[in-house]
Every structure is written in structure tokens, then in C-alpha cells.
Amino acid sequence: MASVFDCTLISLPRKEFPEGQLTYIYNNVHIPFKVNRVFYLYDIPGGESRGAHAHKECHQLLVAASGAFEVVLNDGASERVVTLNRPYYGLHIPPGVWASEQGFSSGSVCLVLASHKYDESDYIRSWEDFKAYVNKE
């Protein structure tokens, strides 16, 4: 079972140009999984949080493509908070870790790269179900 300390901050490659910056990501090179789904969260009202779930199989990489937010990680035994505020850092969240995003700055965009296509059965959305899941592993 993964722990909050298995969630790693990955420095993504950057190319600097006079016209601006470029960051790129290759499957299984810059991140430890193949991307099968990409989505992003935006226009999140002040004070709202997102996420608050875990996955059984899916890996995710979260990037603050714009703005900043915090990711609260919990493995059932430990909690850790990671601030994402640079578009060239991604937080890898392996399966089995509860994650929620909070404290979004104005104009924030949370880019998510996922290892699996959407499958509701892969989600653990209840904290009680998550605690039962980690205790049986």
C-alpha cells in the first residue's frame, strides 16, 4: 500500500525562450506511467475544495498549470500537504492515497494526467470506505 511519502514532486523539463517557457512530458520518461486521460479543473470558487477521493489502480500527476493550490494527502496513517505553484512541477499520486485539493488562488488551473481512463469502480469516494480499504491491505 502506498504512503503519503510515495507521493513525489517531479521536476518537469523546461525550455526557456525569449517568447516564454515550454514544459513537455513524455510517458514513462518524465513520469512513471503512461497517460491515458487528461483533464483540468478551473474556475474553482474561493474556499472550495476538489478531489477528496483515492484510486485503487490509477496513478495521477497534478500540475498547477496556472496559479497555486494545496494538495492534502492521506494514507490512513499519515497526512502531508504539498503546495503546487509552478507549472514545471508535478505531484505524482500513486493508487491508494487519499487526495484533495484546496486553497486555490484566483485563476488557478489544475492539470491532471491519469494512467487510466475514467472508471467509477476505481474510485474510493467515502473516507470510511477508504479507511476500510487501507486496513484490509
C-alpha atoms as a PDB file:
ATOM      1  CA  MET A   1       0.000   0.000   0.000  1.00  0.00           C
ATOM      2  CA  ALA A   2       1.294   3.441  -0.911  1.00  0.00           C
ATOM      3  CA  SER A   3       2.052   6.070   1.702  1.00  0.00           C
ATOM      4  CA  VAL A   4       1.985   9.866   1.523  1.00  0.00           C
ATOM      5  CA  PHE A   5       5.783   9.686   1.285  1.00  0.00           C
ATOM      6  CA  ASP A   6       5.470   7.763  -2.006  1.00  0.00           C
ATOM      7  CA  CYS A   7       3.845  10.874  -3.489  1.00  0.00           C
ATOM      8  CA  THR A   8       6.708  12.617  -5.224  1.00  0.00           C
ATOM      9  CA  LEU A   9       7.207  16.099  -6.559  1.00  0.00           C
ATOM     10  CA  ILE A  10       8.619  15.724 -10.068  1.00  0.00           C
ATOM     11  CA  SER A  11      10.597  18.487 -11.736  1.00  0.00           C
ATOM     12  CA  LEU A  12       9.411  18.564 -15.343  1.00  0.00           C
ATOM     13  CA  PRO A  13      11.701  19.610 -18.192  1.00  0.00           C
ATOM     14  CA  ARG A  14      11.670  23.280 -19.152  1.00  0.00           C
ATOM     15  CA  LYS A  15      12.795  25.070 -22.260  1.00  0.00           C
ATOM     16  CA  GLU A  16      13.318  28.794 -21.940  1.00  0.00           C
ATOM     17  CA  PHE A  17      12.748  31.085 -24.886  1.00  0.00           C
ATOM     18  CA  PRO A  18      12.638  34.883 -25.095  1.00  0.00           C
ATOM     19  CA  GLU A  19       8.943  34.486 -26.007  1.00  0.00           C
ATOM     20  CA  GLY A  20       8.158  32.403 -22.897  1.00  0.00           C
ATOM     21  CA  GLN A  21       8.573  28.990 -21.340  1.00  0.00           C
ATOM     22  CA  LEU A  22       7.721  25.475 -22.560  1.00  0.00           C
ATOM     23  CA  THR A  23       7.271  22.324 -20.468  1.00  0.00           C
ATOM     24  CA  TYR A  24       6.742  18.910 -22.015  1.00  0.00           C
ATOM     25  CA  ILE A  25       6.078  15.427 -20.651  1.00  0.00           C
ATOM     26  CA  TYR A  26       6.814  12.008 -22.164  1.00  0.00           C
ATOM     27  CA  ASN A  27       5.043   8.862 -20.972  1.00  0.00           C
ATOM     28  CA  ASN A  28       7.223   6.617 -18.783  1.00  0.00           C
ATOM     29  CA  VAL A  29      10.140   9.056 -19.151  1.00  0.00           C
ATOM     30  CA  HIS A  30       9.328  12.169 -17.126  1.00  0.00           C
ATOM     31  CA  ILE A  31       6.503  10.491 -15.225  1.00  0.00           C
ATOM     32  CA  PRO A  32       6.339   6.859 -14.056  1.00  0.00           C
ATOM     33  CA  PHE A  33       3.242   5.858 -16.041  1.00  0.00           C
ATOM     34  CA  LYS A  34       1.571   6.044 -19.437  1.00  0.00           C
ATOM     35  CA  VAL A  35      -1.023   8.802 -19.725  1.00  0.00           C
ATOM     36  CA  ASN A  36      -4.469   7.606 -20.818  1.00  0.00           C
ATOM     37  CA  ARG A  37      -6.548  10.583 -19.725  1.00  0.00           C
ATOM     38  CA  VAL A  38      -6.013  14.327 -19.318  1.00  0.00           C
ATOM     39  CA  PHE A  39      -8.381  16.766 -17.661  1.00  0.00           C
ATOM     40  CA  TYR A  40      -8.163  20.077 -15.855  1.00  0.00           C
ATOM     41  CA  LEU A  41     -10.006  21.928 -13.124  1.00  0.00           C
ATOM     42  CA  TYR A  42     -10.592  25.674 -13.351  1.00  0.00           C
ATOM     43  CA  ASP A  43     -12.914  28.489 -12.213  1.00  0.00           C
ATOM     44  CA  ILE A  44     -12.982  27.000  -8.722  1.00  0.00           C
ATOM     45  CA  PRO A  45     -14.718  29.401  -6.326  1.00  0.00           C
ATOM     46  CA  GLY A  46     -12.759  30.678  -3.327  1.00  0.00           C
ATOM     47  CA  GLY A  47     -12.971  28.375  -0.332  1.00  0.00           C
ATOM     48  CA  GLU A  48     -13.979  25.325  -2.372  1.00  0.00           C
ATOM     49  CA  SER A  49     -12.030  22.080  -2.421  1.00  0.00           C
ATOM     50  CA  ARG A  50     -11.853  19.358  -5.064  1.00  0.00           C
ATOM     51  CA  GLY A  51     -10.848  15.729  -5.173  1.00  0.00           C
ATOM     52  CA  ALA A  52     -11.387  14.089  -1.781  1.00  0.00           C
ATOM     53  CA  HIS A  53     -11.009  10.561  -3.070  1.00  0.00           C
ATOM     54  CA  ALA A  54      -8.476   7.798  -3.700  1.00  0.00           C
ATOM     55  CA  HIS A  55      -7.922   5.414  -6.576  1.00  0.00           C
ATOM     56  CA  LYS A  56      -7.404   1.650  -6.454  1.00  0.00           C
ATOM     57  CA  GLU A  57      -5.345   1.409  -9.670  1.00  0.00           C
ATOM     58  CA  CYS A  58      -4.978   4.845 -11.265  1.00  0.00           C
ATOM     59  CA  HIS A  59      -1.835   6.976 -10.938  1.00  0.00           C
ATOM     60  CA  GLN A  60      -2.200  10.744 -11.281  1.00  0.00           C
ATOM     61  CA  LEU A  61       0.131  13.671 -11.862  1.00  0.00           C
ATOM     62  CA  LEU A  62      -1.215  17.041 -10.706  1.00  0.00           C
ATOM     63  CA  VAL A  63       0.269  20.263 -12.087  1.00  0.00           C
ATOM     64  CA  ALA A  64      -0.601  23.844 -11.199  1.00  0.00           C
ATOM     65  CA  ALA A  65      -0.697  24.942 -14.849  1.00  0.00           C
ATOM     66  CA  SER A  66      -1.671  28.389 -13.572  1.00  0.00           C
ATOM     67  CA  GLY A  67      -1.931  29.838 -10.073  1.00  0.00           C
ATOM     68  CA  ALA A  68      -1.479  27.798  -6.927  1.00  0.00           C
ATOM     69  CA  PHE A  69      -3.256  25.323  -4.660  1.00  0.00           C
ATOM     70  CA  GLU A  70      -2.536  22.800  -1.915  1.00  0.00           C
ATOM     71  CA  VAL A  71      -2.877  19.038  -2.168  1.00  0.00           C
ATOM     72  CA  VAL A  72      -3.741  17.293   1.112  1.00  0.00           C
ATOM     73  CA  LEU A  73      -2.540  13.689   1.037  1.00  0.00           C
ATOM     74  CA  ASN A  74      -3.537  10.968   3.487  1.00  0.00           C
ATOM     75  CA  ASP A  75      -2.703   7.255   3.570  1.00  0.00           C
ATOM     76  CA  GLY A  76      -4.820   6.405   6.598  1.00  0.00           C
ATOM     77  CA  ALA A  77      -1.867   6.760   8.967  1.00  0.00           C
ATOM     78  CA  SER A  78      -0.085   9.968   7.913  1.00  0.00           C
ATOM     79  CA  GLU A  79      -1.082  13.254   6.359  1.00  0.00           C
ATOM     80  CA  ARG A  80       1.033  15.544   4.221  1.00  0.00           C
ATOM     81  CA  VAL A  81       0.295  18.861   2.484  1.00  0.00           C
ATOM     82  CA  VAL A  82       2.053  19.788  -0.763  1.00  0.00           C
ATOM     83  CA  THR A  83       1.759  23.231  -2.337  1.00  0.00           C
ATOM     84  CA  LEU A  84       1.795  23.350  -6.114  1.00  0.00           C
ATOM     85  CA  ASN A  85       2.585  26.784  -7.529  1.00  0.00           C
ATOM     86  CA  ARG A  86       4.905  26.290 -10.512  1.00  0.00           C
ATOM     87  CA  PRO A  87       3.829  24.859 -13.901  1.00  0.00           C
ATOM     88  CA  TYR A  88       7.062  22.859 -14.203  1.00  0.00           C
ATOM     89  CA  TYR A  89       6.473  20.735 -11.087  1.00  0.00           C
ATOM     90  CA  GLY A  90       4.040  17.854 -10.939  1.00  0.00           C
ATOM     91  CA  LEU A  91       2.897  15.832  -7.949  1.00  0.00           C
ATOM     92  CA  HIS A  92       2.732  12.098  -8.626  1.00  0.00           C
ATOM     93  CA  ILE A  93      -0.014  10.442  -6.577  1.00  0.00           C
ATOM     94  CA  PRO A  94       0.073   6.636  -6.718  1.00  0.00           C
ATOM     95  CA  PRO A  95      -3.012   4.493  -6.123  1.00  0.00           C
ATOM     96  CA  GLY A  96      -4.101   4.018  -2.529  1.00  0.00           C
ATOM     97  CA  VAL A  97      -3.552   7.610  -1.368  1.00  0.00           C
ATOM     98  CA  TRP A  98      -6.470   9.884  -0.467  1.00  0.00           C
ATOM     99  CA  ALA A  99      -6.011  13.314  -2.064  1.00  0.00           C
ATOM    100  CA  SER A 100      -7.932  16.566  -2.001  1.00  0.00           C
ATOM    101  CA  GLU A 101      -7.091  19.939  -3.463  1.00  0.00           C
ATOM    102  CA  GLN A 102      -7.810  23.170  -1.590  1.00  0.00           C
ATOM    103  CA  GLY A 103      -6.811  26.813  -1.279  1.00  0.00           C
ATOM    104  CA  PHE A 104      -6.992  27.625  -4.976  1.00  0.00           C
ATOM    105  CA  SER A 105      -5.672  31.053  -5.907  1.00  0.00           C
ATOM    106  CA  SER A 106      -7.675  33.177  -8.315  1.00  0.00           C
ATOM    107  CA  GLY A 107      -7.300  31.920 -11.877  1.00  0.00           C
ATOM    108  CA  SER A 108      -5.821  28.566 -10.886  1.00  0.00           C
ATOM    109  CA  VAL A 109      -5.806  25.686 -13.327  1.00  0.00           C
ATOM    110  CA  CYS A 110      -5.122  22.175 -12.012  1.00  0.00           C
ATOM    111  CA  LEU A 111      -3.939  19.937 -14.848  1.00  0.00           C
ATOM    112  CA  VAL A 112      -4.339  16.195 -14.170  1.00  0.00           C
ATOM    113  CA  LEU A 113      -2.649  13.427 -16.139  1.00  0.00           C
ATOM    114  CA  ALA A 114      -4.064   9.996 -15.303  1.00  0.00           C
ATOM    115  CA  SER A 115      -2.836   6.488 -16.048  1.00  0.00           C
ATOM    116  CA  HIS A 116      -6.335   5.081 -16.579  1.00  0.00           C
ATOM    117  CA  LYS A 117      -9.468   6.043 -18.438  1.00  0.00           C
ATOM    118  CA  TYR A 118     -12.368   7.121 -16.261  1.00  0.00           C
ATOM    119  CA  ASP A 119     -13.800   4.151 -14.368  1.00  0.00           C
ATOM    120  CA  GLU A 120     -16.086   4.885 -11.430  1.00  0.00           C
ATOM    121  CA  SER A 121     -15.274   1.491  -9.856  1.00  0.00           C
ATOM    122  CA  ASP A 122     -11.635   2.625  -9.433  1.00  0.00           C
ATOM    123  CA  TYR A 123     -12.670   5.493  -7.143  1.00  0.00           C
ATOM    124  CA  ILE A 124     -12.941   5.371  -3.358  1.00  0.00           C
ATOM    125  CA  ARG A 125     -15.072   8.414  -2.588  1.00  0.00           C
ATOM    126  CA  SER A 126     -16.016   7.837   1.054  1.00  0.00           C
ATOM    127  CA  TRP A 127     -13.469   8.414   3.830  1.00  0.00           C
ATOM    128  CA  GLU A 128     -14.934   5.468   5.768  1.00  0.00           C
ATOM    129  CA  ASP A 129     -14.584   3.197   2.725  1.00  0.00           C
ATOM    130  CA  PHE A 130     -11.002   4.410   2.286  1.00  0.00           C
ATOM    131  CA  LYS A 131     -10.096   3.604   5.889  1.00  0.00           C
ATOM    132  CA  ALA A 132     -11.570   0.109   5.457  1.00  0.00           C
ATOM    133  CA  TYR A 133      -9.659  -0.295   2.166  1.00  0.00           C
ATOM    134  CA  VAL A 134      -6.240   0.584   3.629  1.00  0.00           C
ATOM    135  CA  ASN A 135      -6.828  -1.510   6.744  1.00  0.00           C
ATOM    136  CA  LYS A 136      -7.564  -4.664   4.726  1.00  0.00           C
ATOM    137  CA  GLU A 137      -4.441  -4.382   2.549  1.00  0.00           C
END
